[in-house]
C-alpha atoms as a PDB file:
ATOM      1  CA  MET A   1     -71.819  -6.068  63.263  1.00  0.00           C
ATOM      2  CA  ASN A   2     -72.647  -8.893  65.701  1.00  0.00           C
ATOM      3  CA  VAL A   3     -74.954 -11.042  63.563  1.00  0.00           C
ATOM      4  CA  LYS A   4     -76.370 -14.109  65.306  1.00  0.00           C
ATOM      5  CA  ILE A   5     -79.035 -16.766  64.988  1.00  0.00           C
ATOM      6  CA  VAL A   6     -81.383 -16.557  67.961  1.00  0.00           C
ATOM      7  CA  LYS A   7     -83.664 -19.544  68.520  1.00  0.00           C
ATOM      8  CA  LEU A   8     -86.699 -18.750  70.616  1.00  0.00           C
ATOM      9  CA  THR A   9     -88.594 -21.157  72.867  1.00  0.00           C
ATOM     10  CA  SER A  10     -91.462 -20.870  70.340  1.00  0.00           C
ATOM     11  CA  GLY A  11     -89.197 -22.594  67.781  1.00  0.00           C
ATOM     12  CA  GLU A  12     -88.692 -19.467  65.659  1.00  0.00           C
ATOM     13  CA  GLU A  13     -85.142 -18.851  64.453  1.00  0.00           C
ATOM     14  CA  LEU A  14     -84.336 -15.169  64.085  1.00  0.00           C
ATOM     15  CA  PHE A  15     -81.291 -13.848  62.306  1.00  0.00           C
ATOM     16  CA  GLY A  16     -80.053 -10.350  63.001  1.00  0.00           C
ATOM     17  CA  GLU A  17     -77.699  -8.032  64.792  1.00  0.00           C
ATOM     18  CA  PHE A  18     -77.919  -9.192  68.410  1.00  0.00           C
ATOM     19  CA  ASN A  19     -76.775  -7.514  71.624  1.00  0.00           C
ATOM     20  CA  GLU A  20     -76.666 -10.312  74.209  1.00  0.00           C
ATOM     21  CA  GLU A  21     -76.282  -7.959  77.195  1.00  0.00           C
ATOM     22  CA  LYS A  22     -79.494  -6.087  76.374  1.00  0.00           C
ATOM     23  CA  GLY A  23     -81.353  -8.939  74.669  1.00  0.00           C
ATOM     24  CA  LYS A  24     -81.866  -6.596  71.714  1.00  0.00           C
ATOM     25  CA  ILE A  25     -82.119  -7.801  68.120  1.00  0.00           C
ATOM     26  CA  THR A  26     -81.973  -5.306  65.264  1.00  0.00           C
ATOM     27  CA  ASN A  27     -83.474  -5.909  61.803  1.00  0.00           C
ATOM     28  CA  PRO A  28     -84.475  -9.495  62.623  1.00  0.00           C
ATOM     29  CA  VAL A  29     -85.340 -11.780  59.732  1.00  0.00           C
ATOM     30  CA  VAL A  30     -86.347 -15.385  59.305  1.00  0.00           C
ATOM     31  CA  MET A  31     -84.606 -17.533  56.723  1.00  0.00           C
ATOM     32  CA  ILE A  32     -86.860 -19.150  54.129  1.00  0.00           C
ATOM     33  CA  PRO A  33     -85.501 -22.054  52.039  1.00  0.00           C
ATOM     34  CA  VAL A  34     -86.087 -21.301  48.350  1.00  0.00           C
ATOM     35  CA  SER A  35     -84.279 -24.319  46.938  1.00  0.00           C
ATOM     36  CA  LYS A  36     -81.565 -26.742  48.016  1.00  0.00           C
ATOM     37  CA  GLU A  37     -78.872 -24.091  47.525  1.00  0.00           C
ATOM     38  CA  GLN A  38     -80.772 -20.861  48.096  1.00  0.00           C
ATOM     39  CA  ILE A  39     -82.439 -19.098  50.997  1.00  0.00           C
ATOM     40  CA  ALA A  40     -84.317 -15.836  51.260  1.00  0.00           C
ATOM     41  CA  PHE A  41     -84.704 -13.421  54.155  1.00  0.00           C
ATOM     42  CA  GLN A  42     -88.134 -12.308  55.304  1.00  0.00           C
ATOM     43  CA  PRO A  43     -88.623  -9.644  57.996  1.00  0.00           C
ATOM     44  CA  TRP A  44     -89.638 -11.239  61.295  1.00  0.00           C
ATOM     45  CA  LEU A  45     -92.585  -8.893  61.817  1.00  0.00           C
ATOM     46  CA  PRO A  46     -93.197  -7.636  58.270  1.00  0.00           C
ATOM     47  CA  TYR A  47     -95.949  -5.174  59.191  1.00  0.00           C
ATOM     48  CA  SER A  48     -94.041  -3.465  61.993  1.00  0.00           C
ATOM     49  CA  GLU A  49     -92.170  -0.199  61.494  1.00  0.00           C
ATOM     50  CA  ASP A  50     -89.829  -1.048  64.374  1.00  0.00           C
ATOM     51  CA  LYS A  51     -86.267  -2.112  63.606  1.00  0.00           C
ATOM     52  CA  GLU A  52     -85.230  -3.101  67.161  1.00  0.00           C
ATOM     53  CA  TYR A  53     -86.861  -5.588  69.502  1.00  0.00           C
ATOM     54  CA  TYR A  54     -86.041  -6.527  73.077  1.00  0.00           C
ATOM     55  CA  LEU A  55     -86.354 -10.250  73.735  1.00  0.00           C
ATOM     56  CA  LYS A  56     -87.079 -11.609  77.200  1.00  0.00           C
ATOM     57  CA  PRO A  57     -84.243 -13.887  78.390  1.00  0.00           C
ATOM     58  CA  GLU A  58     -86.704 -16.661  79.254  1.00  0.00           C
ATOM     59  CA  HIS A  59     -87.805 -16.766  75.590  1.00  0.00           C
ATOM     60  CA  ILE A  60     -84.277 -17.231  74.219  1.00  0.00           C
ATOM     61  CA  GLN A  61     -83.286 -20.866  73.862  1.00  0.00           C
ATOM     62  CA  ILE A  62     -80.025 -20.674  71.861  1.00  0.00           C
ATOM     63  CA  VAL A  63     -77.744 -17.976  70.447  1.00  0.00           C
ATOM     64  CA  ALA A  64     -75.428 -19.163  67.670  1.00  0.00           C
ATOM     65  CA  THR A  65     -73.008 -17.788  65.094  1.00  0.00           C
ATOM     66  CA  ALA A  66     -74.207 -18.256  61.517  1.00  0.00           C
ATOM     67  CA  ALA A  67     -72.227 -19.417  58.505  1.00  0.00           C
ATOM     68  CA  GLN A  68     -70.137 -16.624  56.990  1.00  0.00           C
ATOM     69  CA  THR A  69     -71.973 -16.777  53.651  1.00  0.00           C
ATOM     70  CA  ILE A  70     -75.299 -16.047  55.357  1.00  0.00           C
ATOM     71  CA  THR A  71     -73.756 -13.300  57.493  1.00  0.00           C
ATOM     72  CA  ASN A  72     -72.271 -11.715  54.355  1.00  0.00           C
ATOM     73  CA  GLU A  73     -75.636 -11.665  52.598  1.00  0.00           C
ATOM     74  CA  TYR A  74     -77.350 -10.190  55.655  1.00  0.00           C
ATOM     75  CA  SER A  75     -74.625  -7.520  55.875  1.00  0.00           C
ATOM     76  CA  ARG A  76     -75.053  -6.719  52.184  1.00  0.00           C
ATOM     77  CA  ILE A  77     -78.794  -6.138  52.658  1.00  0.00           C
ATOM     78  CA  TYR A  78     -79.062  -4.666  56.177  1.00  0.00           C
ATOM     79  CA  GLY A  79     -75.581  -3.543  57.162  1.00  0.00           C
ATOM     80  CA  SER A  80     -72.533  -1.826  55.798  1.00  0.00           C
ATOM     81  CA  GLY A  81     -72.388  -3.983  52.696  1.00  0.00           C
ATOM     82  CA  ILE A  82     -68.920  -5.194  53.667  1.00  0.00           C
ATOM     83  CA  VAL A  83     -68.483  -8.924  53.109  1.00  0.00           C
ATOM     84  CA  THR A  84     -65.616 -11.227  54.007  1.00  0.00           C
ATOM     85  CA  SER A  85     -64.178 -14.114  52.018  1.00  0.00           C
ATOM     86  CA  THR A  86     -65.345 -17.599  52.901  1.00  0.00           C
ATOM     87  CA  GLY A  87     -62.911 -19.422  50.625  1.00  0.00           C
ATOM     88  CA  GLY A  88     -65.573 -21.810  49.353  1.00  0.00           C
ATOM     89  CA  SER A  89     -68.962 -22.086  47.753  1.00  0.00           C
ATOM     90  CA  GLY A  90     -71.763 -20.371  49.608  1.00  0.00           C
ATOM     91  CA  LEU A  91     -75.257 -21.308  50.619  1.00  0.00           C
ATOM     92  CA  ILE A  92     -76.718 -18.224  49.030  1.00  0.00           C
ATOM     93  CA  SER A  93     -76.522 -17.717  45.303  1.00  0.00           C
END
């Protein structure tokens, strides 16, 4: 699973499985701060039945790798459920 943070020129930060060659993001979510130590995921387009979206290259500002704790939580919810050890305290509780 190639989970990335994709920042769009609109300022939105999407988090999901991203294929850079195709510009395709699968199961994109936005991260919502709940408290200082907790975040929640919200579907990017909550009323859409689509799971895959093709982003235009001119709308992509940055592609970055997220912290392992966030990637693990995303994988638990949207992926295989396999998580890897981070060796420290996580952002998500």
